[in-house]
């Protein structure tokens, strides 16, 4: 168990559920660099 606290926290969030919400609300529509998942990871890490 040599994972960081951040990695352990990210394991709690089901990626497929996140992607399902992104598809439903077209969250990645017209994005260029950061996907919704990348933005979520960045904002979570900043907290």
Protein backbone atom coordinates (compact mmCIF):
# COMPACT_ATOMS: atom_id res chain seq x y z
CA UNK A 1 0.00 0.00 0.00
CA UNK A 2 2.48 2.58 -1.20
CA UNK A 3 -0.06 4.96 -2.66
CA UNK A 4 -0.41 8.62 -1.94
CA UNK A 5 -3.50 9.88 -0.15
CA UNK A 6 -4.59 11.52 -3.41
CA UNK A 7 -4.37 8.20 -5.30
CA UNK A 8 -6.36 6.47 -2.56
CA UNK A 9 -9.02 9.18 -2.74
CA UNK A 10 -9.26 8.90 -6.54
CA UNK A 11 -9.93 5.17 -6.23
CA UNK A 12 -13.19 6.02 -4.43
CA UNK A 13 -14.57 7.84 -7.46
CA UNK A 14 -15.97 5.48 -10.10
CA UNK A 15 -14.53 6.65 -13.41
CA UNK A 16 -17.33 5.06 -15.44
CA UNK A 17 -19.97 7.00 -13.48
CA UNK A 18 -18.04 10.21 -13.99
CA UNK A 19 -17.78 9.53 -17.73
CA UNK A 20 -21.49 8.74 -17.88
CA UNK A 21 -22.31 12.18 -16.44
CA UNK A 22 -19.88 13.86 -18.83
CA UNK A 23 -21.53 12.17 -21.81
CA UNK A 24 -25.03 12.96 -20.56
CA UNK A 25 -24.34 16.67 -20.18
CA UNK A 26 -21.82 16.90 -23.06
CA UNK A 27 -19.13 18.15 -20.72
CA UNK A 28 -16.27 17.59 -23.15
CA UNK A 29 -17.99 19.39 -26.02
CA UNK A 30 -15.52 21.71 -27.76
CA UNK A 31 -12.73 21.16 -25.25
CA UNK A 32 -9.22 21.55 -26.57
CA UNK A 33 -6.68 20.60 -23.95
CA UNK A 34 -8.24 19.56 -20.65
CA UNK A 35 -10.94 16.92 -20.57
CA UNK A 36 -13.48 17.00 -17.76
CA UNK A 37 -11.57 14.22 -16.01
CA UNK A 38 -8.30 16.20 -16.24
CA UNK A 39 -10.04 19.29 -14.87
CA UNK A 40 -11.55 17.26 -12.04
CA UNK A 41 -8.16 15.78 -11.13
CA UNK A 42 -6.54 19.21 -11.15
CA UNK A 43 -9.22 20.79 -8.99
CA UNK A 44 -9.23 17.84 -6.57
CA UNK A 45 -5.47 17.94 -6.20
CA UNK A 46 -5.58 21.69 -5.56
CA UNK A 47 -7.96 21.18 -2.66
